[in-house]
Amino acid sequence: MNESSPVSPYDPRPDLDAPDPREEFARRARQQSLRRLKRLLIFGCALFTLIIWLLVRLESTGGLSAFAPGPSRIVRQHLEALNRGAFREAYLLFSQHYRDEVSFELYHELVVTHAAMFRTRIVSFSSRQLAGQRIVLDTRLVASDGERYVARFTLIQVENRWWIDDLRWAADSGRRYTITT
């Protein structure tokens, strides 16, 4: 007796209209991952913007600490101007007080007579002292002729801008943080 029931417990033909649960799970997982990546990207961009804003803010105001880049940037600009032979540009980075005491002609004569000393190859800041709107940077330099120097730049902040108020140069005797006048 061969009885075949019209309804078989096992239907070998899959229902093509029914979604595959694995595909649905994979689609939801991708969507969730994309949402997380989008949030991470937005958070990262916001954090990056905040950090850049803080760095620019510290650069323009001289910063909240002795290690802010404002004063050291002025020193680097001064030395770069001397390297290019732009003596007037370097002179204009001095404070009004310094320019009242030392004329451009005297400054120019000093720089021209010691030209090799002012053409630096390496600049490193080895000591910083901060007192209010005044900072002292001891700077170690290697001139183009190979001689080593220590320069002490005293900078002051006037109206949110740093100016070189005093400058002392000496040969580097190998002792750290030593300036002889």
Protein backbone atom coordinates (compact mmCIF):
# COMPACT_ATOMS: atom_id res chain seq x y z
CA MET A 1 0.00 0.00 0.00
CA ASN A 2 1.38 3.11 -1.13
CA GLU A 3 -0.22 5.91 0.64
CA SER A 4 0.95 9.35 0.00
CA SER A 5 -0.37 12.11 2.02
CA PRO A 6 -1.09 15.34 0.35
CA VAL A 7 0.90 17.14 3.08
CA SER A 8 4.38 15.90 3.62
CA PRO A 9 6.24 16.71 6.83
CA TYR A 10 9.31 17.55 4.80
CA ASP A 11 9.06 19.88 1.85
CA PRO A 12 12.24 19.78 -0.22
CA ARG A 13 11.35 23.02 -1.98
CA PRO A 14 12.42 26.12 0.02
CA ASP A 15 10.08 29.03 0.26
CA LEU A 16 11.83 31.66 -1.88
CA ASP A 17 9.87 34.54 -0.42
CA ALA A 18 10.91 34.00 3.19
CA PRO A 19 14.01 36.02 4.23
CA ASP A 20 17.07 34.10 5.33
CA PRO A 21 17.54 34.81 9.06
CA ARG A 22 21.33 34.82 8.63
CA GLU A 23 21.16 37.54 5.98
CA GLU A 24 18.81 39.60 8.13
CA PHE A 25 21.18 39.26 11.09
CA ALA A 26 24.17 40.28 8.91
CA ARG A 27 22.26 43.30 7.54
CA ARG A 28 21.36 44.50 11.04
CA ALA A 29 24.92 43.98 12.25
CA ARG A 30 26.26 46.08 9.32
CA GLN A 31 23.76 48.85 10.04
CA GLN A 32 24.70 48.86 13.71
CA SER A 33 28.41 48.92 12.84
CA LEU A 34 27.88 51.84 10.44
CA ARG A 35 25.99 53.78 13.13
CA ARG A 36 28.83 53.17 15.58
CA LEU A 37 31.44 54.21 13.00
CA LYS A 38 29.45 57.36 12.23
CA ARG A 39 29.31 58.26 15.93
CA LEU A 40 33.02 57.54 16.29
CA LEU A 41 33.81 59.72 13.28
CA ILE A 42 31.73 62.61 14.62
CA PHE A 43 33.31 62.28 18.07
CA GLY A 44 36.81 62.10 16.54
CA CYS A 45 36.22 65.19 14.40
CA ALA A 46 34.87 67.11 17.39
CA LEU A 47 37.85 66.08 19.52
CA PHE A 48 40.31 66.97 16.73
CA THR A 49 38.67 70.38 16.32
CA LEU A 50 38.84 71.01 20.07
CA ILE A 51 42.52 70.07 20.24
CA ILE A 52 43.41 72.26 17.25
CA TRP A 53 41.48 75.14 18.76
CA LEU A 54 43.33 74.73 22.07
CA LEU A 55 46.71 74.59 20.34
CA VAL A 56 45.96 77.70 18.31
CA ARG A 57 44.68 79.43 21.42
CA LEU A 58 47.81 78.56 23.38
CA GLU A 59 50.01 79.63 20.45
CA SER A 60 48.35 83.02 20.12
CA THR A 61 48.18 83.89 23.81
CA GLY A 62 51.50 82.47 24.88
CA GLY A 63 49.80 79.64 26.63
CA LEU A 64 48.96 78.74 30.12
CA SER A 65 52.30 77.17 30.90
CA ALA A 66 55.98 77.83 30.47
CA PHE A 67 56.10 75.31 27.64
CA ALA A 68 53.66 77.11 25.38
CA PRO A 69 55.00 77.61 21.86
CA GLY A 70 54.39 81.38 21.60
CA PRO A 71 57.70 82.71 22.94
CA SER A 72 59.80 79.98 21.32
CA ARG A 73 58.10 80.72 18.00
CA ILE A 74 59.23 84.36 18.23
CA VAL A 75 62.80 83.25 18.95
CA ARG A 76 62.72 80.89 15.96
CA GLN A 77 61.34 83.66 13.73
CA HIS A 78 64.15 85.94 14.88
CA LEU A 79 66.85 83.37 14.13
CA GLU A 80 65.30 82.47 10.76
CA ALA A 81 65.23 86.15 9.77
CA LEU A 82 68.91 86.45 10.69
CA ASN A 83 69.71 83.33 8.62
CA ARG A 84 67.98 84.89 5.60
CA GLY A 85 69.74 88.23 6.11
CA ALA A 86 66.44 89.97 6.89
CA PHE A 87 67.93 92.12 9.64
CA ARG A 88 65.09 94.67 9.76
CA GLU A 89 62.54 91.85 10.15
CA ALA A 90 64.59 90.34 12.98
CA TYR A 91 64.97 93.75 14.62
CA LEU A 92 61.21 94.36 14.55
CA LEU A 93 60.70 91.31 16.81
CA PHE A 94 62.34 93.26 19.67
CA SER A 95 60.20 95.13 22.17
CA GLN A 96 59.81 98.88 21.98
CA HIS A 97 61.93 99.16 25.14
CA TYR A 98 64.82 97.30 23.47
CA ARG A 99 64.50 99.32 20.25
CA ASP A 100 64.62 102.54 22.28
CA GLU A 101 67.92 101.42 23.83
CA VAL A 102 69.54 99.82 20.75
CA SER A 103 69.16 101.52 17.38
CA PHE A 104 68.76 99.51 14.20
CA GLU A 105 72.10 100.80 12.94
CA LEU A 106 73.92 99.51 16.04
CA TYR A 107 72.06 96.20 15.86
CA HIS A 108 72.83 95.87 12.14
CA GLU A 109 76.53 96.57 12.73
CA LEU A 110 76.67 93.94 15.48
CA VAL A 111 74.95 91.31 13.33
CA VAL A 112 77.11 92.02 10.28
CA THR A 113 80.38 91.88 12.23
CA HIS A 114 79.39 88.56 13.85
CA ALA A 115 77.52 87.09 10.86
CA ALA A 116 78.79 83.51 11.27
CA MET A 117 77.58 83.46 14.86
CA PHE A 118 74.02 84.36 13.90
CA ARG A 119 73.63 81.76 11.11
CA THR A 120 72.41 78.83 13.15
CA ARG A 121 71.86 75.24 12.12
CA ILE A 122 70.38 73.75 15.27
CA VAL A 123 68.14 75.41 17.81
CA SER A 124 67.08 73.77 21.06
CA PHE A 125 65.47 75.30 24.10
CA SER A 126 67.05 73.95 27.22
CA SER A 127 65.59 76.06 30.00
CA ARG A 128 62.48 78.13 30.50
CA GLN A 129 61.62 80.42 33.37
CA LEU A 130 58.22 82.08 33.54
CA ALA A 131 57.26 85.00 35.72
CA GLY A 132 53.97 86.65 34.82
CA GLN A 133 54.24 88.29 31.41
CA ARG A 134 58.00 87.65 31.21
CA ILE A 135 59.82 84.48 30.13
CA VAL A 136 63.50 83.62 29.80
CA LEU A 137 64.56 81.02 27.25
CA ASP A 138 68.07 79.62 27.33
CA THR A 139 68.74 78.50 23.79
CA ARG A 140 71.58 76.26 22.62
CA LEU A 141 72.74 76.93 19.08
CA VAL A 142 75.23 75.50 16.62
CA ALA A 143 76.35 78.15 14.16
CA SER A 144 77.07 77.45 10.51
CA ASP A 145 80.80 77.47 11.27
CA GLY A 146 80.35 74.68 13.86
CA GLU A 147 80.82 76.87 16.93
CA ARG A 148 78.40 76.29 19.78
CA TYR A 149 76.63 79.13 21.53
CA VAL A 150 74.12 79.69 24.29
CA ALA A 151 71.71 82.57 23.86
CA ARG A 152 69.44 83.85 26.59
CA PHE A 153 66.31 85.43 25.19
CA THR A 154 64.16 87.41 27.61
CA LEU A 155 60.69 87.89 26.20
CA ILE A 156 57.78 89.95 27.44
CA GLN A 157 54.13 89.73 26.55
CA VAL A 158 52.40 92.97 25.60
CA GLU A 159 48.78 92.90 24.43
CA ASN A 160 48.80 89.12 23.82
CA ARG A 161 51.98 89.26 21.70
CA TRP A 162 55.48 88.17 22.67
CA TRP A 163 58.46 90.49 22.09
CA ILE A 164 62.17 89.92 22.62
CA ASP A 165 63.14 92.34 25.38
CA ASP A 166 66.75 91.31 25.94
CA LEU A 167 69.27 89.05 24.27
CA ARG A 168 72.61 87.73 25.56
CA TRP A 169 74.96 85.50 23.53
CA ALA A 170 77.93 83.53 24.84
CA ALA A 171 80.15 80.69 23.72
CA ASP A 172 78.88 77.34 24.96
CA SER A 173 81.47 76.10 27.43
CA GLY A 174 79.74 72.73 27.69
CA ARG A 175 78.11 73.54 31.01
CA ARG A 176 74.39 73.40 30.78
CA TYR A 177 72.35 76.56 31.34
CA THR A 178 75.38 78.80 31.78
CA ILE A 179 75.43 82.30 30.35
CA THR A 180 78.39 84.60 30.71
CA THR A 181 78.05 88.27 29.93
